[in-house]
Amino acid sequence: MGYREAIDLIAQLRTEMGSHLFASMSGWAFPMDREGFHTALLLTRVVNAFASRGDPQFKLQWPWDDVKTPEAEQVTPEEREHLTSQLNQSSAFGQLRT
């Protein structure tokens, strides 16, 4: 196998939700392919639809449940104004608005 083919295979694995590589790069606890994802959504919806009143809501564990999202960097109003003006100067959409 050549380098180009190996790179292409790795690139494909990075987009495949069911691969351990995708799960690791996404910070997931385990891989979950698209079929499993949709099946879990459907199962959750059906079980909760047919549950009796007062029953606790059925909830599955998702791969990203334990993932901690970093807090957004705080930006001062002056920084935001400066960044917005930079964006408007270099953006075709900013030029269309003026």
C-alpha atoms as a PDB file:
ATOM      1  CA  MET A   1       0.000   0.000   0.000  1.00  0.00           C
ATOM      2  CA  GLY A   2       1.340   3.402  -0.935  1.00  0.00           C
ATOM      3  CA  TYR A   3       1.319   6.580   1.132  1.00  0.00           C
ATOM      4  CA  ARG A   4      -1.427   8.165  -0.958  1.00  0.00           C
ATOM      5  CA  GLU A   5      -3.752   5.197  -0.447  1.00  0.00           C
ATOM      6  CA  ALA A   6      -3.038   5.145   3.310  1.00  0.00           C
ATOM      7  CA  ILE A   7      -3.788   8.878   3.548  1.00  0.00           C
ATOM      8  CA  ASP A   8      -7.041   8.392   1.621  1.00  0.00           C
ATOM      9  CA  LEU A   9      -8.087   5.551   3.946  1.00  0.00           C
ATOM     10  CA  ILE A  10      -7.355   7.616   7.062  1.00  0.00           C
ATOM     11  CA  ALA A  11      -9.281  10.561   5.611  1.00  0.00           C
ATOM     12  CA  GLN A  12     -12.251   8.248   5.064  1.00  0.00           C
ATOM     13  CA  LEU A  13     -12.042   6.896   8.624  1.00  0.00           C
ATOM     14  CA  ARG A  14     -12.067  10.469   9.972  1.00  0.00           C
ATOM     15  CA  THR A  15     -15.541  10.974   8.471  1.00  0.00           C
ATOM     16  CA  GLU A  16     -16.965   7.577   9.406  1.00  0.00           C
ATOM     17  CA  MET A  17     -18.952   8.037  12.644  1.00  0.00           C
ATOM     18  CA  GLY A  18     -18.676   4.342  13.514  1.00  0.00           C
ATOM     19  CA  SER A  19     -14.872   4.343  13.538  1.00  0.00           C
ATOM     20  CA  HIS A  20     -12.774   4.572  16.673  1.00  0.00           C
ATOM     21  CA  LEU A  21     -10.694   7.270  14.964  1.00  0.00           C
ATOM     22  CA  PHE A  22     -13.765   9.504  14.481  1.00  0.00           C
ATOM     23  CA  ALA A  23     -14.887   8.905  18.077  1.00  0.00           C
ATOM     24  CA  SER A  24     -11.432   9.718  19.422  1.00  0.00           C
ATOM     25  CA  MET A  25     -11.097  12.881  17.329  1.00  0.00           C
ATOM     26  CA  SER A  26     -14.601  14.024  18.344  1.00  0.00           C
ATOM     27  CA  GLY A  27     -14.003  13.372  22.036  1.00  0.00           C
ATOM     28  CA  TRP A  28     -16.709  10.705  22.152  1.00  0.00           C
ATOM     29  CA  ALA A  29     -16.664   7.935  24.745  1.00  0.00           C
ATOM     30  CA  PHE A  30     -17.387   5.292  22.083  1.00  0.00           C
ATOM     31  CA  PRO A  31     -18.045   5.117  18.329  1.00  0.00           C
ATOM     32  CA  MET A  32     -21.609   5.170  17.049  1.00  0.00           C
ATOM     33  CA  ASP A  33     -22.417   4.788  13.371  1.00  0.00           C
ATOM     34  CA  ARG A  34     -25.247   6.650  11.668  1.00  0.00           C
ATOM     35  CA  GLU A  35     -27.552   3.617  11.655  1.00  0.00           C
ATOM     36  CA  GLY A  36     -27.059   3.105  15.390  1.00  0.00           C
ATOM     37  CA  PHE A  37     -27.612   6.801  15.996  1.00  0.00           C
ATOM     38  CA  HIS A  38     -30.927   6.837  14.117  1.00  0.00           C
ATOM     39  CA  THR A  39     -32.025   3.552  15.670  1.00  0.00           C
ATOM     40  CA  ALA A  40     -31.331   4.912  19.164  1.00  0.00           C
ATOM     41  CA  LEU A  41     -33.291   8.073  18.387  1.00  0.00           C
ATOM     42  CA  LEU A  42     -36.240   6.038  17.111  1.00  0.00           C
ATOM     43  CA  LEU A  43     -36.144   3.670  20.094  1.00  0.00           C
ATOM     44  CA  THR A  44     -36.102   6.584  22.531  1.00  0.00           C
ATOM     45  CA  ARG A  45     -39.015   8.270  20.746  1.00  0.00           C
ATOM     46  CA  VAL A  46     -41.160   5.100  20.619  1.00  0.00           C
ATOM     47  CA  VAL A  47     -40.494   4.018  24.219  1.00  0.00           C
ATOM     48  CA  ASN A  48     -41.322   7.510  25.518  1.00  0.00           C
ATOM     49  CA  ALA A  49     -44.436   7.727  23.308  1.00  0.00           C
ATOM     50  CA  PHE A  50     -45.862   4.509  24.760  1.00  0.00           C
ATOM     51  CA  ALA A  51     -44.783   5.113  28.362  1.00  0.00           C
ATOM     52  CA  SER A  52     -47.439   5.552  31.028  1.00  0.00           C
ATOM     53  CA  ARG A  53     -47.950   8.897  32.667  1.00  0.00           C
ATOM     54  CA  GLY A  54     -45.570   9.390  35.547  1.00  0.00           C
ATOM     55  CA  ASP A  55     -42.975   6.951  34.202  1.00  0.00           C
ATOM     56  CA  PRO A  56     -39.467   8.372  34.091  1.00  0.00           C
ATOM     57  CA  GLN A  57     -38.368   9.450  30.637  1.00  0.00           C
ATOM     58  CA  PHE A  58     -36.389   6.788  28.789  1.00  0.00           C
ATOM     59  CA  LYS A  59     -32.937   8.087  27.931  1.00  0.00           C
ATOM     60  CA  LEU A  60     -29.982   6.335  26.340  1.00  0.00           C
ATOM     61  CA  GLN A  61     -26.380   7.251  26.950  1.00  0.00           C
ATOM     62  CA  TRP A  62     -24.892   9.088  23.992  1.00  0.00           C
ATOM     63  CA  PRO A  63     -21.180   9.034  23.137  1.00  0.00           C
ATOM     64  CA  TRP A  64     -20.848  12.753  23.809  1.00  0.00           C
ATOM     65  CA  ASP A  65     -22.694  12.889  27.150  1.00  0.00           C
ATOM     66  CA  ASP A  66     -19.465  13.059  29.160  1.00  0.00           C
ATOM     67  CA  VAL A  67     -17.724  15.480  26.800  1.00  0.00           C
ATOM     68  CA  LYS A  68     -16.958  18.790  28.455  1.00  0.00           C
ATOM     69  CA  THR A  69     -17.203  21.697  26.041  1.00  0.00           C
ATOM     70  CA  PRO A  70     -14.680  24.425  26.695  1.00  0.00           C
ATOM     71  CA  GLU A  71     -16.047  27.806  27.659  1.00  0.00           C
ATOM     72  CA  ALA A  72     -15.954  30.469  24.981  1.00  0.00           C
ATOM     73  CA  GLU A  73     -13.176  32.997  25.229  1.00  0.00           C
ATOM     74  CA  GLN A  74     -14.393  36.269  26.705  1.00  0.00           C
ATOM     75  CA  VAL A  75     -14.262  39.200  24.276  1.00  0.00           C
ATOM     76  CA  THR A  76     -14.514  42.830  25.312  1.00  0.00           C
ATOM     77  CA  PRO A  77     -16.915  45.106  23.396  1.00  0.00           C
ATOM     78  CA  GLU A  78     -13.923  46.962  21.928  1.00  0.00           C
ATOM     79  CA  GLU A  79     -12.365  43.723  20.670  1.00  0.00           C
ATOM     80  CA  ARG A  80     -15.696  42.645  19.205  1.00  0.00           C
ATOM     81  CA  GLU A  81     -16.085  45.962  17.384  1.00  0.00           C
ATOM     82  CA  HIS A  82     -12.536  45.739  16.016  1.00  0.00           C
ATOM     83  CA  LEU A  83     -13.004  42.136  14.869  1.00  0.00           C
ATOM     84  CA  THR A  84     -16.360  42.967  13.272  1.00  0.00           C
ATOM     85  CA  SER A  85     -14.819  45.834  11.317  1.00  0.00           C
ATOM     86  CA  GLN A  86     -11.980  43.547  10.166  1.00  0.00           C
ATOM     87  CA  LEU A  87     -14.508  40.955   9.030  1.00  0.00           C
ATOM     88  CA  ASN A  88     -16.572  43.540   7.167  1.00  0.00           C
ATOM     89  CA  GLN A  89     -13.476  44.869   5.398  1.00  0.00           C
ATOM     90  CA  SER A  90     -12.357  41.458   4.163  1.00  0.00           C
ATOM     91  CA  SER A  91     -15.766  39.877   3.564  1.00  0.00           C
ATOM     92  CA  ALA A  92     -17.710  40.086   0.326  1.00  0.00           C
ATOM     93  CA  PHE A  93     -20.889  39.981   2.390  1.00  0.00           C
ATOM     94  CA  GLY A  94     -19.719  42.963   4.449  1.00  0.00           C
ATOM     95  CA  GLN A  95     -19.137  44.916   1.261  1.00  0.00           C
ATOM     96  CA  LEU A  96     -22.624  44.053   0.002  1.00  0.00           C
ATOM     97  CA  ARG A  97     -24.246  45.468   3.160  1.00  0.00           C
ATOM     98  CA  THR A  98     -22.635  48.895   2.790  1.00  0.00           C
END
